[in-house]
């Protein structure tokens, strides 16, 4: 089981701040593919992953990051200063 956290517009599109999922995915990209296939709201939220950042166990990561032993994945838009 992996805890998934959604922030900002990702959370708004999916309608949840977090959820726990059972996944067969071996990478973050595989997890995104599984989530996209669930429902339209996930497909919409993950339509353009170039507009997203990901953290794995609270460390910034790439979408090809492995999920072995991971407890938490967070998705959020790029942060801007100001």
C-alpha atoms as a PDB file:
ATOM      1  CA  UNK A   1       0.000   0.000   0.000  1.00  0.00           C
ATOM      2  CA  UNK A   2       1.179   3.487  -0.871  1.00  0.00           C
ATOM      3  CA  UNK A   3      -0.196   6.768   0.449  1.00  0.00           C
ATOM      4  CA  UNK A   4      -0.780   9.233  -2.365  1.00  0.00           C
ATOM      5  CA  UNK A   5      -1.084  12.947  -1.637  1.00  0.00           C
ATOM      6  CA  UNK A   6      -2.539  15.481  -4.071  1.00  0.00           C
ATOM      7  CA  UNK A   7      -1.921  19.220  -3.833  1.00  0.00           C
ATOM      8  CA  UNK A   8      -3.338  22.400  -5.420  1.00  0.00           C
ATOM      9  CA  UNK A   9      -5.204  21.896  -8.711  1.00  0.00           C
ATOM     10  CA  UNK A  10      -4.358  18.171  -8.742  1.00  0.00           C
ATOM     11  CA  UNK A  11      -6.386  17.785  -5.530  1.00  0.00           C
ATOM     12  CA  UNK A  12      -9.192  19.923  -6.985  1.00  0.00           C
ATOM     13  CA  UNK A  13      -9.478  17.800 -10.132  1.00  0.00           C
ATOM     14  CA  UNK A  14      -9.373  14.477  -8.303  1.00  0.00           C
ATOM     15  CA  UNK A  15     -11.503  15.653  -5.383  1.00  0.00           C
ATOM     16  CA  UNK A  16      -9.331  14.083  -2.684  1.00  0.00           C
ATOM     17  CA  UNK A  17      -6.393  15.377  -0.652  1.00  0.00           C
ATOM     18  CA  UNK A  18      -4.973  11.861  -0.174  1.00  0.00           C
ATOM     19  CA  UNK A  19      -5.733   8.197  -0.583  1.00  0.00           C
ATOM     20  CA  UNK A  20      -4.100   4.844   0.019  1.00  0.00           C
ATOM     21  CA  UNK A  21      -3.737   2.546  -2.971  1.00  0.00           C
ATOM     22  CA  UNK A  22      -2.596  -0.950  -3.713  1.00  0.00           C
ATOM     23  CA  UNK A  23      -0.464  -0.844  -6.852  1.00  0.00           C
ATOM     24  CA  UNK A  24       1.291  -3.222  -9.187  1.00  0.00           C
ATOM     25  CA  UNK A  25       3.362  -0.339 -10.586  1.00  0.00           C
ATOM     26  CA  UNK A  26       7.142  -0.428 -10.280  1.00  0.00           C
ATOM     27  CA  UNK A  27       7.702   3.271 -11.072  1.00  0.00           C
ATOM     28  CA  UNK A  28       5.912   6.555 -10.480  1.00  0.00           C
ATOM     29  CA  UNK A  29       5.030   6.666 -14.193  1.00  0.00           C
ATOM     30  CA  UNK A  30       3.411   3.229 -13.888  1.00  0.00           C
ATOM     31  CA  UNK A  31       1.425   4.444 -10.893  1.00  0.00           C
ATOM     32  CA  UNK A  32       0.241   7.452 -12.915  1.00  0.00           C
ATOM     33  CA  UNK A  33      -0.878   5.097 -15.704  1.00  0.00           C
ATOM     34  CA  UNK A  34      -2.871   3.034 -13.190  1.00  0.00           C
ATOM     35  CA  UNK A  35      -4.473   6.150 -11.722  1.00  0.00           C
ATOM     36  CA  UNK A  36      -5.342   7.559 -15.178  1.00  0.00           C
ATOM     37  CA  UNK A  37      -7.157   4.329 -16.009  1.00  0.00           C
ATOM     38  CA  UNK A  38      -9.367   4.543 -12.889  1.00  0.00           C
ATOM     39  CA  UNK A  39     -11.730   7.394 -13.789  1.00  0.00           C
ATOM     40  CA  UNK A  40     -11.972  10.507 -15.956  1.00  0.00           C
ATOM     41  CA  UNK A  41     -11.086  12.800 -13.050  1.00  0.00           C
ATOM     42  CA  UNK A  42      -7.710  11.061 -12.686  1.00  0.00           C
ATOM     43  CA  UNK A  43      -7.174  11.118 -16.451  1.00  0.00           C
ATOM     44  CA  UNK A  44      -7.810  14.870 -16.393  1.00  0.00           C
ATOM     45  CA  UNK A  45      -5.487  15.482 -13.434  1.00  0.00           C
ATOM     46  CA  UNK A  46      -2.658  13.491 -15.037  1.00  0.00           C
ATOM     47  CA  UNK A  47      -3.281  14.482 -18.664  1.00  0.00           C
ATOM     48  CA  UNK A  48      -0.037  16.472 -18.859  1.00  0.00           C
ATOM     49  CA  UNK A  49       2.557  15.190 -16.415  1.00  0.00           C
ATOM     50  CA  UNK A  50       5.052  17.776 -17.668  1.00  0.00           C
ATOM     51  CA  UNK A  51       2.926  20.234 -15.649  1.00  0.00           C
ATOM     52  CA  UNK A  52       3.454  18.182 -12.470  1.00  0.00           C
ATOM     53  CA  UNK A  53       6.171  17.524  -9.941  1.00  0.00           C
ATOM     54  CA  UNK A  54       6.406  14.421  -7.789  1.00  0.00           C
ATOM     55  CA  UNK A  55       7.933  13.644  -4.416  1.00  0.00           C
ATOM     56  CA  UNK A  56       8.664  10.116  -3.253  1.00  0.00           C
ATOM     57  CA  UNK A  57       8.879   9.741   0.520  1.00  0.00           C
ATOM     58  CA  UNK A  58       9.156  13.546   0.731  1.00  0.00           C
ATOM     59  CA  UNK A  59      12.073  13.828  -1.702  1.00  0.00           C
ATOM     60  CA  UNK A  60      11.688  15.372  -5.161  1.00  0.00           C
ATOM     61  CA  UNK A  61      11.869  12.643  -7.779  1.00  0.00           C
ATOM     62  CA  UNK A  62      11.389  11.929 -11.466  1.00  0.00           C
ATOM     63  CA  UNK A  63       8.498   9.981 -12.911  1.00  0.00           C
ATOM     64  CA  UNK A  64      10.848   7.066 -13.619  1.00  0.00           C
ATOM     65  CA  UNK A  65      11.641   6.758  -9.887  1.00  0.00           C
ATOM     66  CA  UNK A  66      11.175   3.208  -8.545  1.00  0.00           C
ATOM     67  CA  UNK A  67       8.405   2.459  -6.056  1.00  0.00           C
ATOM     68  CA  UNK A  68      10.104  -0.437  -4.246  1.00  0.00           C
ATOM     69  CA  UNK A  69       9.776   0.195  -0.510  1.00  0.00           C
ATOM     70  CA  UNK A  70       8.089   3.572  -1.021  1.00  0.00           C
ATOM     71  CA  UNK A  71       5.463   4.609   1.528  1.00  0.00           C
ATOM     72  CA  UNK A  72       4.311   7.952   0.093  1.00  0.00           C
ATOM     73  CA  UNK A  73       4.020   9.656  -3.296  1.00  0.00           C
ATOM     74  CA  UNK A  74       2.918  13.281  -3.624  1.00  0.00           C
ATOM     75  CA  UNK A  75       1.822  15.074  -6.787  1.00  0.00           C
ATOM     76  CA  UNK A  76       1.806  18.871  -7.092  1.00  0.00           C
ATOM     77  CA  UNK A  77       2.274  21.652  -9.626  1.00  0.00           C
ATOM     78  CA  UNK A  78       5.648  23.401  -9.867  1.00  0.00           C
ATOM     79  CA  UNK A  79       6.097  25.944  -7.131  1.00  0.00           C
ATOM     80  CA  UNK A  80       6.592  29.582  -7.961  1.00  0.00           C
ATOM     81  CA  UNK A  81       8.152  32.282  -5.880  1.00  0.00           C
ATOM     82  CA  UNK A  82       6.577  35.537  -4.980  1.00  0.00           C
END
